Amino acid sequence: MGSRVWFPTAGLLVWLCCLSLGTVHGGKVLVMPVDGSHWLSMKILVKELSRRGHEVTVLVPESRLLIQGSDSYKTKIYQVPYTQAELDSQFESLRERLFDTPPHFTDFFVNVDRLVAFTSVQALGCKALLNNEPLISQLRVEGFEMVLTDPFLPCGSILAKIFSVPAVYFLRGLPCGLDTQASQCPSPASYVPVSFSGNTNNMTFLQRVTNMMMSYVESYLCGIMYKHFDDLTSMQFGNGMTYKELISHGAIWLLRYDFTFEWPKPVMPNQVFIGGINCAKKAPLPADLQEFADGSGDDGFIVFTLGSLVASMPEEKAKQFFDAFRQIPQRVVWRYTGPLPKDVPKNVRVMKWLPQNDLLAHPKAKVFMTHGGTHGIYEGICNGVPMLMFPLFGDQGDNVHRMVARGVAEKISAFEVTTETVVAALKKNDPGQKLQGADGGAVPDPPGPPHWASGPGRLLVRVCNETQGSAAPESGST
């Protein structure tokens, strides 16, 4: 009896001691990111791996949005079959449509259409990388021990299989719930809402029937949405391999959410929840912003940003916001790069870029006006700031729905924005209150910074050191 207890305990103690010794062998990590806001979250982990002594190389397309070089990691640039102007034009076209289309039951199909258009272009970039034989050969001889990638795009998973190293996924989730299917994780339609269904985990019988029907529609649309990725995967490996089959071999799924935010659902042993990783570290505000925030008095200030890719809007829509801000006592810090009216309200500070998390951490931050991206939502949650949300595209509608259902946010459709609706929502949001749950209790704090700042890094180190390029551990049977 005693020996059966002693040996597992001793093994556990040895394992913990190894963790406490720090990194003895610095791993070589190849990073294949997704550009845009996805990169802003992944960059935190990439820099942490580098800080802990690992050699990190990031693959960067020559035409890009937000990915930049750094002293913390190496970069390798690869050519893509579209210019910077073409990429910028694609996103500008998307931005222009965000504010002029009314909400409709066809929104689900509109989102699918936008995703198909985006992924088809990105698939071309991935194909160009895979056909770049000199670069692939160079990467092969580098001896990378794992690939850290966002499976929203297929390149990273394909490279991991080509190099026969473990793939570690860093993501919020995949359209059509492909991540759930690939990881062989159950997703009962009786209490796990389908994307864009508008349901919660507490559904009536009719809602469950609708949820089930939408799951079938979603499954069908997945075939359309991922066709480009399936073709690329099959072309690379043959045997009709699908993208779902490819990513099912992931070693670890680092999921950028936790159950402060997510609906209850089953999980798998190799899924690690890192929601809030982006708000672990806060820096002092620049002197001018510190003065602006400190001088906001008891009314405090509002932080307003619609994400990393939406810094402007139609002038008439912007005018509605400026007019609304004239009628409130709070100061406003707004990330906005569009044309300014001649009479910008005195309580409004317009900037091209905001230190968002640092502003939200200020004790006088009263409301966070946001589009509902996961990155920003967790910074709002971590700092306990109520939110006024304007979902624009993608999973933002579902993200906002979760927050509104929990009673910690108000929602306005971007199409329905008027001076009156913004003022009414800000008053309803009660800027004098910190974040509260629907039951009146405080929203629980996410895992603390020390845990999330180091935990994923240790997990990745273990994958590198223990597998050493062998077959990655998988969940369930294949």
Protein backbone atom coordinates (compact mmCIF):
# COMPACT_ATOMS: atom_id res chain seq x y z
CA MET A 1 0.00 0.00 0.00
CA GLY A 2 2.74 2.35 1.00
CA SER A 3 4.84 1.69 -2.11
CA ARG A 4 1.91 2.35 -4.42
CA VAL A 5 1.61 5.81 -2.87
CA TRP A 6 5.32 6.51 -2.59
CA PHE A 7 6.40 5.98 -6.22
CA PRO A 8 3.86 8.35 -7.85
CA THR A 9 4.58 10.94 -5.18
CA ALA A 10 8.33 10.67 -5.72
CA GLY A 11 7.86 10.98 -9.46
CA LEU A 12 5.76 14.09 -8.99
CA LEU A 13 8.36 15.64 -6.68
CA VAL A 14 11.16 14.95 -9.17
CA TRP A 15 9.10 16.51 -11.97
CA LEU A 16 8.38 19.62 -9.88
CA CYS A 17 12.04 19.93 -8.94
CA CYS A 18 12.99 19.81 -12.62
CA LEU A 19 10.62 22.66 -13.30
CA SER A 20 12.12 24.74 -10.52
CA LEU A 21 15.66 24.33 -11.84
CA GLY A 22 14.90 26.55 -14.81
CA THR A 23 15.69 25.85 -18.42
CA VAL A 24 18.85 23.80 -18.93
CA HIS A 25 18.44 23.24 -22.66
CA GLY A 26 17.22 26.16 -24.72
CA GLY A 27 14.83 24.87 -27.37
CA LYS A 28 14.59 26.03 -30.99
CA VAL A 29 11.07 27.18 -31.74
CA LEU A 30 9.64 28.05 -35.15
CA VAL A 31 6.67 30.42 -34.97
CA MET A 32 4.07 30.69 -37.74
CA PRO A 33 1.65 33.45 -36.65
CA VAL A 34 -1.57 34.90 -38.06
CA ASP A 35 -1.31 38.61 -38.74
CA GLY A 36 -3.53 41.23 -37.14
CA SER A 37 -4.91 41.07 -33.61
CA HIS A 38 -4.05 37.34 -33.38
CA TRP A 39 -0.37 38.30 -33.46
CA LEU A 40 -0.73 40.83 -30.63
CA SER A 41 -1.63 38.01 -28.23
CA MET A 42 0.87 35.46 -29.56
CA LYS A 43 3.71 38.00 -29.42
CA ILE A 44 3.51 38.00 -25.62
CA LEU A 45 4.24 34.27 -25.46
CA VAL A 46 6.91 34.51 -28.15
CA LYS A 47 8.81 37.16 -26.20
CA GLU A 48 8.46 35.16 -22.98
CA LEU A 49 9.96 32.07 -24.63
CA SER A 50 12.86 34.18 -25.85
CA ARG A 51 13.35 35.72 -22.42
CA ARG A 52 13.65 32.23 -20.98
CA GLY A 53 16.55 31.40 -23.25
CA HIS A 54 14.89 29.73 -26.21
CA GLU A 55 15.87 30.48 -29.78
CA VAL A 56 12.72 31.74 -31.48
CA THR A 57 12.30 32.34 -35.21
CA VAL A 58 9.15 34.00 -36.55
CA LEU A 59 8.07 33.59 -40.18
CA VAL A 60 6.83 36.92 -41.54
CA PRO A 61 5.13 37.59 -44.90
CA GLU A 62 6.64 40.45 -46.89
CA SER A 63 3.16 42.09 -47.09
CA ARG A 64 1.76 42.32 -43.59
CA LEU A 65 -0.41 44.26 -41.17
CA LEU A 66 1.02 44.23 -37.65
CA ILE A 67 3.85 41.68 -37.44
CA GLN A 68 7.17 43.43 -36.90
CA GLY A 69 10.71 42.43 -36.05
CA SER A 70 12.10 42.58 -32.52
CA ASP A 71 15.34 42.16 -30.59
CA SER A 72 13.59 39.31 -28.75
CA TYR A 73 13.33 36.96 -31.72
CA LYS A 74 14.66 36.34 -35.22
CA THR A 75 12.50 36.80 -38.29
CA LYS A 76 12.55 35.22 -41.72
CA ILE A 77 10.67 37.06 -44.46
CA TYR A 78 8.90 35.07 -47.16
CA GLN A 79 7.35 36.32 -50.38
CA VAL A 80 3.59 36.25 -50.97
CA PRO A 81 1.64 36.62 -54.25
CA TYR A 82 0.01 39.91 -53.25
CA THR A 83 1.39 43.37 -52.63
CA GLN A 84 1.13 45.50 -49.52
CA ALA A 85 -1.28 47.77 -51.40
CA GLU A 86 -3.52 44.82 -52.30
CA LEU A 87 -3.56 43.60 -48.71
CA ASP A 88 -4.35 47.05 -47.38
CA SER A 89 -7.11 47.43 -49.98
CA GLN A 90 -8.72 44.17 -48.92
CA PHE A 91 -8.92 45.25 -45.29
CA GLU A 92 -10.04 48.76 -46.20
CA SER A 93 -12.92 47.24 -48.18
CA LEU A 94 -13.87 45.19 -45.13
CA ARG A 95 -13.73 48.22 -42.84
CA GLU A 96 -15.97 50.25 -45.16
CA ARG A 97 -18.70 47.61 -45.00
CA LEU A 98 -18.70 47.33 -41.23
CA PHE A 99 -20.76 50.46 -40.56
CA ASP A 100 -23.21 50.47 -43.45
CA THR A 101 -24.86 47.04 -43.28
CA PRO A 102 -27.89 46.62 -40.97
CA PRO A 103 -28.14 43.52 -38.73
CA HIS A 104 -30.00 40.68 -40.44
CA PHE A 105 -30.63 36.96 -40.05
CA THR A 106 -28.21 36.46 -42.95
CA ASP A 107 -25.31 37.79 -40.84
CA PHE A 108 -24.20 34.18 -40.31
CA PHE A 109 -23.73 33.69 -44.06
CA VAL A 110 -22.13 37.12 -44.46
CA ASN A 111 -19.52 36.16 -41.87
CA VAL A 112 -18.87 32.89 -43.70
CA ASP A 113 -18.48 34.74 -47.01
CA ARG A 114 -15.98 37.18 -45.47
CA LEU A 115 -13.99 34.34 -43.93
CA VAL A 116 -13.87 32.43 -47.22
CA ALA A 117 -12.61 35.55 -49.02
CA PHE A 118 -9.95 36.17 -46.36
CA THR A 119 -8.77 32.56 -46.08
CA SER A 120 -8.54 32.13 -49.86
CA VAL A 121 -6.01 34.98 -50.03
CA GLN A 122 -4.10 33.67 -47.02
CA ALA A 123 -4.01 30.18 -48.53
CA LEU A 124 -2.21 31.66 -51.54
CA GLY A 125 0.39 33.14 -49.20
CA CYS A 126 0.80 29.78 -47.48
CA LYS A 127 1.19 28.00 -50.80
CA ALA A 128 3.90 30.49 -51.80
CA LEU A 129 5.79 29.76 -48.58
CA LEU A 130 5.58 26.00 -49.03
CA ASN A 131 6.80 26.30 -52.63
CA ASN A 132 9.79 28.37 -51.53
CA GLU A 133 12.23 25.44 -51.62
CA PRO A 134 15.36 27.41 -50.60
CA LEU A 135 13.62 28.74 -47.47
CA ILE A 136 12.07 25.36 -46.58
CA SER A 137 15.48 23.71 -46.93
CA GLN A 138 17.04 26.38 -44.74
CA LEU A 139 14.37 25.90 -42.08
CA ARG A 140 14.80 22.14 -42.21
CA VAL A 141 18.53 22.26 -41.38
CA GLU A 142 17.88 24.72 -38.52
CA GLY A 143 16.73 21.75 -36.40
CA PHE A 144 13.60 23.27 -34.87
CA GLU A 145 12.13 21.21 -32.05
CA MET A 146 8.57 22.42 -32.36
CA VAL A 147 6.28 24.76 -34.25
CA LEU A 148 4.17 27.30 -32.36
CA THR A 149 1.31 28.35 -34.61
CA ASP A 150 -2.22 29.69 -34.84
CA PRO A 151 -4.24 27.03 -36.72
CA PHE A 152 -6.60 29.71 -38.06
CA LEU A 153 -4.30 29.39 -41.09
CA PRO A 154 -2.75 26.09 -42.26
CA CYS A 155 0.94 26.89 -42.82
CA GLY A 156 2.20 26.19 -39.30
CA SER A 157 0.51 22.78 -39.04
CA ILE A 158 1.82 21.78 -42.46
CA LEU A 159 5.37 22.84 -41.56
CA ALA A 160 5.24 20.87 -38.29
CA LYS A 161 4.33 17.71 -40.21
CA ILE A 162 6.96 18.37 -42.91
CA PHE A 163 9.66 18.75 -40.23
CA SER A 164 8.24 15.91 -38.07
CA VAL A 165 8.09 18.04 -34.92
CA PRO A 166 5.24 18.72 -32.47
CA ALA A 167 2.72 21.44 -33.31
CA VAL A 168 1.58 23.65 -30.44
CA TYR A 169 -1.55 25.65 -31.18
CA PHE A 170 -2.27 29.12 -29.84
CA LEU A 171 -5.83 30.25 -30.60
CA ARG A 172 -9.18 31.65 -29.49
CA GLY A 173 -11.11 29.11 -31.54
CA LEU A 174 -11.72 28.14 -35.15
CA PRO A 175 -14.72 28.84 -37.37
CA CYS A 176 -17.29 26.03 -37.46
CA GLY A 177 -15.81 24.63 -34.23
CA LEU A 178 -13.11 22.85 -36.24
CA ASP A 179 -10.81 22.92 -33.20
CA THR A 180 -13.41 20.99 -31.20
CA GLN A 181 -13.82 18.42 -33.95
CA ALA A 182 -10.09 18.05 -34.56
CA SER A 183 -9.31 17.55 -30.87
CA GLN A 184 -12.11 14.94 -30.70
CA CYS A 185 -13.75 16.89 -27.93
CA PRO A 186 -17.51 16.33 -27.40
CA SER A 187 -19.75 19.35 -27.99
CA PRO A 188 -23.32 18.46 -26.96
CA ALA A 189 -25.80 20.71 -28.78
CA SER A 190 -28.07 20.44 -25.74
CA TYR A 191 -25.98 22.94 -23.79
CA VAL A 192 -23.01 24.09 -25.93
CA PRO A 193 -24.23 26.96 -28.16
CA VAL A 194 -23.34 26.90 -31.84
CA SER A 195 -21.50 30.00 -33.07
CA PHE A 196 -23.80 32.86 -34.12
CA SER A 197 -26.85 31.07 -32.67
CA GLY A 198 -27.43 33.72 -30.00
CA ASN A 199 -27.98 30.96 -27.43
CA THR A 200 -26.48 30.49 -23.99
CA ASN A 201 -25.84 27.23 -22.12
CA ASN A 202 -29.38 27.54 -20.68
CA MET A 203 -31.64 26.82 -23.65
CA THR A 204 -35.34 26.13 -23.99
CA PHE A 205 -36.44 23.02 -25.91
CA LEU A 206 -37.00 25.08 -29.06
CA GLN A 207 -33.60 26.73 -28.71
CA ARG A 208 -31.97 23.30 -28.39
CA VAL A 209 -33.72 22.12 -31.55
CA THR A 210 -32.54 25.28 -33.34
CA ASN A 211 -29.04 24.79 -31.96
CA MET A 212 -28.96 21.23 -33.26
CA MET A 213 -30.15 22.30 -36.71
CA MET A 214 -27.56 25.06 -36.83
CA SER A 215 -24.85 22.55 -35.96
CA TYR A 216 -25.75 20.59 -39.12
CA VAL A 217 -25.70 23.76 -41.23
CA GLU A 218 -22.38 24.72 -39.66
CA SER A 219 -20.93 21.32 -40.49
CA TYR A 220 -21.93 21.73 -44.13
CA LEU A 221 -20.51 25.24 -44.36
CA CYS A 222 -17.24 24.00 -42.87
CA GLY A 223 -16.69 22.01 -46.01
CA ILE A 224 -16.97 25.20 -48.05
CA MET A 225 -14.99 27.39 -45.70
CA TYR A 226 -12.01 25.06 -45.37
CA LYS A 227 -11.88 23.84 -48.99
CA HIS A 228 -8.76 25.92 -49.72
CA PHE A 229 -7.04 24.48 -46.65
CA ASP A 230 -8.14 20.92 -47.46
CA ASP A 231 -6.80 21.26 -51.00
CA LEU A 232 -3.49 22.62 -49.72
CA THR A 233 -3.16 19.82 -47.15
CA SER A 234 -4.06 17.08 -49.63
CA MET A 235 -1.68 18.49 -52.23
CA GLN A 236 1.14 18.47 -49.69
CA PHE A 237 0.59 15.03 -48.13
CA GLY A 238 -1.71 13.16 -50.51
CA ASN A 239 -4.14 10.41 -49.51
CA GLY A 240 -6.98 12.92 -49.39
CA MET A 241 -5.81 14.25 -46.03
CA THR A 242 -8.08 17.06 -44.76
CA TYR A 243 -7.07 20.05 -42.70
CA LYS A 244 -9.10 18.72 -39.76
CA GLU A 245 -7.13 15.49 -39.87
CA LEU A 246 -3.87 17.42 -40.01
CA ILE A 247 -4.51 19.62 -36.98
CA SER A 248 -5.87 16.67 -34.98
CA HIS A 249 -2.22 15.75 -34.33
CA GLY A 250 -1.57 18.90 -32.27
CA ALA A 251 0.47 18.32 -29.12
CA ILE A 252 -1.03 21.14 -27.02
CA TRP A 253 -3.90 23.53 -27.58
CA LEU A 254 -3.27 26.84 -25.81
CA LEU A 255 -6.74 28.39 -25.71
CA ARG A 256 -6.98 32.15 -25.18
CA TYR A 257 -10.03 32.04 -22.91
CA ASP A 258 -11.21 30.62 -19.61
CA PHE A 259 -14.56 29.97 -17.98
CA THR A 260 -14.86 33.47 -16.61
CA PHE A 261 -15.85 34.19 -20.20
CA GLU A 262 -16.69 30.90 -21.93
CA TRP A 263 -19.89 28.84 -21.67
CA PRO A 264 -19.53 25.50 -19.84
CA LYS A 265 -18.39 22.73 -22.17
CA PRO A 266 -16.28 19.56 -22.22
CA VAL A 267 -12.50 19.91 -22.52
CA MET A 268 -9.64 17.59 -23.42
CA PRO A 269 -6.48 16.81 -21.40
CA ASN A 270 -4.14 18.60 -23.84
CA GLN A 271 -6.15 21.83 -23.82
CA VAL A 272 -4.70 24.59 -21.63
CA PHE A 273 -6.70 27.73 -20.87
CA ILE A 274 -4.67 30.95 -20.92
CA GLY A 275 -7.38 33.62 -21.04
CA GLY A 276 -5.95 36.88 -19.68
CA ILE A 277 -2.36 36.17 -20.70
CA ASN A 278 -2.30 39.57 -22.43
CA CYS A 279 -3.12 41.60 -19.31
CA ALA A 280 -0.52 40.14 -16.95
CA LYS A 281 1.94 43.03 -17.28
CA LYS A 282 1.10 46.71 -16.93
CA ALA A 283 3.38 49.65 -17.59
CA PRO A 284 3.20 53.24 -16.31
CA LEU A 285 1.28 55.60 -18.55
CA PRO A 286 3.14 58.26 -20.55
CA ALA A 287 3.25 61.54 -18.63
CA ASP A 288 0.63 63.30 -20.77
CA LEU A 289 -1.86 60.43 -20.52
CA GLN A 290 -1.20 60.08 -16.80
CA GLU A 291 -2.06 63.75 -16.34
CA PHE A 292 -5.19 63.37 -18.50
CA ALA A 293 -6.38 60.35 -16.50
CA ASP A 294 -5.50 61.77 -13.06
CA GLY A 295 -7.28 65.00 -13.90
CA SER A 296 -10.58 63.33 -14.79
CA GLY A 297 -11.94 63.79 -11.26
CA ASP A 298 -14.67 61.64 -9.74
CA ASP A 299 -16.33 61.17 -13.13
CA GLY A 300 -13.25 59.38 -14.47
CA PHE A 301 -12.58 58.60 -18.10
CA ILE A 302 -13.67 56.25 -20.90
CA VAL A 303 -11.36 54.18 -23.11
CA PHE A 304 -12.67 53.84 -26.69
CA THR A 305 -11.07 51.65 -29.35
CA LEU A 306 -12.45 49.33 -32.02
CA GLY A 307 -9.43 47.10 -32.30
CA SER A 308 -6.07 47.03 -34.00
CA LEU A 309 -7.44 47.11 -37.56
CA VAL A 310 -10.31 49.61 -37.24
CA ALA A 311 -8.95 53.05 -36.41
CA SER A 312 -11.43 55.12 -38.42
CA MET A 313 -15.05 55.12 -39.57
CA PRO A 314 -17.37 57.10 -41.87
CA GLU A 315 -17.36 60.79 -40.89
CA GLU A 316 -21.11 60.83 -40.21
CA LYS A 317 -20.77 57.89 -37.82
CA ALA A 318 -17.80 59.52 -36.06
CA LYS A 319 -19.87 62.69 -35.67
CA GLN A 320 -22.47 60.71 -33.71
CA PHE A 321 -19.78 59.69 -31.22
CA PHE A 322 -18.28 63.18 -30.93
CA ASP A 323 -21.75 64.63 -30.28
CA ALA A 324 -22.44 61.96 -27.66
CA PHE A 325 -19.18 62.67 -25.83
CA ARG A 326 -20.14 66.35 -25.55
CA GLN A 327 -23.08 65.31 -23.37
CA ILE A 328 -21.26 63.23 -20.76
CA PRO A 329 -19.12 64.32 -17.79
CA GLN A 330 -16.39 61.72 -18.32
CA ARG A 331 -13.23 62.34 -20.28
CA VAL A 332 -12.66 60.09 -23.30
CA VAL A 333 -9.46 58.60 -24.74
CA TRP A 334 -10.29 57.49 -28.28
CA ARG A 335 -8.12 55.65 -30.79
CA TYR A 336 -9.22 57.32 -34.00
CA THR A 337 -7.32 58.31 -37.14
CA GLY A 338 -10.16 59.67 -39.30
CA PRO A 339 -10.97 63.31 -40.10
CA LEU A 340 -11.57 65.49 -37.04
CA PRO A 341 -14.38 68.04 -36.73
CA LYS A 342 -13.40 71.66 -36.11
CA ASP A 343 -14.96 71.56 -32.66
CA VAL A 344 -13.59 68.41 -31.03
CA PRO A 345 -15.09 68.24 -27.51
CA LYS A 346 -12.69 69.41 -24.82
CA ASN A 347 -13.18 66.20 -22.85
CA VAL A 348 -11.98 64.02 -25.78
CA ARG A 349 -8.37 63.00 -26.38
CA VAL A 350 -7.89 61.48 -29.86
CA MET A 351 -4.83 59.24 -30.43
CA LYS A 352 -3.47 57.02 -33.19
CA TRP A 353 -2.60 54.24 -30.75
CA LEU A 354 -3.52 53.54 -27.12
CA PRO A 355 -1.70 51.73 -24.30
CA GLN A 356 -5.04 50.00 -23.78
CA ASN A 357 -4.28 47.68 -20.86
CA ASP A 358 -2.36 50.39 -19.00
CA LEU A 359 -5.27 52.83 -19.36
CA LEU A 360 -7.82 50.25 -18.20
CA ALA A 361 -5.66 49.55 -15.15
CA HIS A 362 -5.98 53.18 -14.02
CA PRO A 363 -8.40 53.47 -11.06
CA LYS A 364 -10.36 56.26 -12.80
CA ALA A 365 -11.16 54.12 -15.90
CA LYS A 366 -14.95 53.88 -15.82
CA VAL A 367 -16.08 52.36 -19.13
CA PHE A 368 -14.38 50.45 -21.93
CA MET A 369 -15.99 51.04 -25.35
CA THR A 370 -14.82 48.13 -27.51
CA HIS A 371 -15.64 46.03 -30.57
CA GLY A 372 -15.56 42.79 -28.58
CA GLY A 373 -12.26 41.22 -29.61
CA THR A 374 -11.02 38.61 -27.13
CA HIS A 375 -7.77 40.49 -26.50
CA GLY A 376 -9.61 43.61 -25.33
CA ILE A 377 -12.35 41.77 -23.46
CA TYR A 378 -9.85 40.08 -21.18
CA GLU A 379 -8.13 43.38 -20.48
CA GLY A 380 -11.53 44.75 -19.49
CA ILE A 381 -12.22 41.72 -17.28
CA CYS A 382 -8.76 41.72 -15.68
CA ASN A 383 -9.13 45.38 -14.74
CA GLY A 384 -12.80 45.20 -13.73
CA VAL A 385 -14.00 47.87 -16.18
CA PRO A 386 -17.63 47.76 -17.47
CA MET A 387 -17.96 47.59 -21.25
CA LEU A 388 -20.05 49.17 -23.98
CA MET A 389 -19.64 46.91 -27.01
CA PHE A 390 -19.98 47.39 -30.77
CA PRO A 391 -19.44 43.99 -32.49
CA LEU A 392 -18.17 44.38 -36.04
CA PHE A 393 -17.31 41.01 -37.59
CA GLY A 394 -16.14 37.44 -37.02
CA ASP A 395 -16.54 35.99 -33.54
CA GLN A 396 -17.07 39.42 -31.95
CA GLY A 397 -20.86 39.03 -31.96
CA ASP A 398 -20.56 35.81 -29.94
CA ASN A 399 -18.01 37.38 -27.61
CA VAL A 400 -20.29 40.33 -26.93
CA HIS A 401 -23.28 38.03 -26.43
CA ARG A 402 -21.39 36.23 -23.64
CA MET A 403 -20.64 39.48 -21.83
CA VAL A 404 -24.16 40.90 -22.20
CA ALA A 405 -25.69 37.61 -20.99
CA ARG A 406 -23.54 37.82 -17.88
CA GLY A 407 -24.79 41.33 -17.18
CA VAL A 408 -21.40 43.05 -17.41
CA ALA A 409 -21.77 44.88 -20.72
CA GLU A 410 -24.17 46.79 -22.95
CA LYS A 411 -24.34 46.26 -26.70
CA ILE A 412 -25.05 48.62 -29.62
CA SER A 413 -24.97 47.49 -33.24
CA ALA A 414 -22.46 49.57 -35.17
CA PHE A 415 -25.23 50.23 -37.69
CA GLU A 416 -27.58 51.53 -34.96
CA VAL A 417 -25.13 54.01 -33.43
CA THR A 418 -26.64 57.44 -32.85
CA THR A 419 -25.81 60.18 -30.40
CA GLU A 420 -28.87 59.22 -28.34
CA THR A 421 -28.14 55.48 -28.21
CA VAL A 422 -24.54 56.03 -27.12
CA VAL A 423 -25.48 58.50 -24.36
CA ALA A 424 -28.30 56.23 -23.13
CA ALA A 425 -26.04 53.16 -23.07
CA LEU A 426 -23.30 54.98 -21.17
CA LYS A 427 -25.80 56.11 -18.55
CA LYS A 428 -27.23 52.60 -18.30
CA ASN A 429 -23.74 51.18 -17.93
CA ASP A 430 -23.28 53.33 -14.81
CA PRO A 431 -19.66 54.50 -15.08
CA GLY A 432 -19.54 54.75 -11.29
CA GLN A 433 -19.54 50.96 -10.86
CA LYS A 434 -16.80 48.44 -11.31
CA LEU A 435 -17.50 45.23 -13.22
CA GLN A 436 -20.34 43.23 -11.70
CA GLY A 437 -21.83 39.91 -12.67
CA ALA A 438 -25.49 39.37 -13.54
CA ASP A 439 -26.17 38.12 -10.01
CA GLY A 440 -24.65 41.24 -8.45
CA GLY A 441 -21.41 39.53 -7.49
CA ALA A 442 -18.04 40.60 -8.79
CA VAL A 443 -16.73 38.84 -11.85
CA PRO A 444 -14.04 36.42 -10.62
CA ASP A 445 -10.46 37.33 -11.30
CA PRO A 446 -8.70 35.35 -14.03
CA PRO A 447 -5.59 33.34 -13.09
CA GLY A 448 -2.90 35.64 -11.77
CA PRO A 449 -0.06 36.99 -13.89
CA PRO A 450 2.74 34.88 -12.36
CA HIS A 451 0.97 31.64 -13.36
CA TRP A 452 0.06 32.64 -16.88
CA ALA A 453 3.30 34.46 -17.58
CA SER A 454 5.29 31.29 -16.97
CA GLY A 455 2.95 28.32 -17.32
CA PRO A 456 2.67 28.16 -21.13
CA GLY A 457 6.39 28.67 -21.46
CA ARG A 458 7.08 25.69 -19.19
CA LEU A 459 4.58 23.57 -21.10
CA LEU A 460 6.26 24.37 -24.39
CA VAL A 461 9.68 23.63 -22.92
CA ARG A 462 8.41 20.23 -21.78
CA VAL A 463 7.05 19.45 -25.24
CA CYS A 464 10.42 20.36 -26.78
CA ASN A 465 12.52 18.45 -24.26
CA GLU A 466 10.36 15.35 -23.88
CA THR A 467 9.30 14.69 -27.48
CA GLN A 468 12.51 15.79 -29.25
CA GLY A 469 10.75 15.58 -32.59
CA SER A 470 8.95 12.29 -31.93
CA ALA A 471 5.27 11.78 -32.62
CA ALA A 472 3.21 14.28 -30.67
CA PRO A 473 0.77 13.10 -27.97
CA GLU A 474 -2.81 13.01 -29.19
CA SER A 475 -6.17 13.08 -27.47
CA GLY A 476 -8.49 10.11 -27.86
CA SER A 477 -8.23 7.36 -30.42
CA THR A 478 -7.52 7.93 -34.10
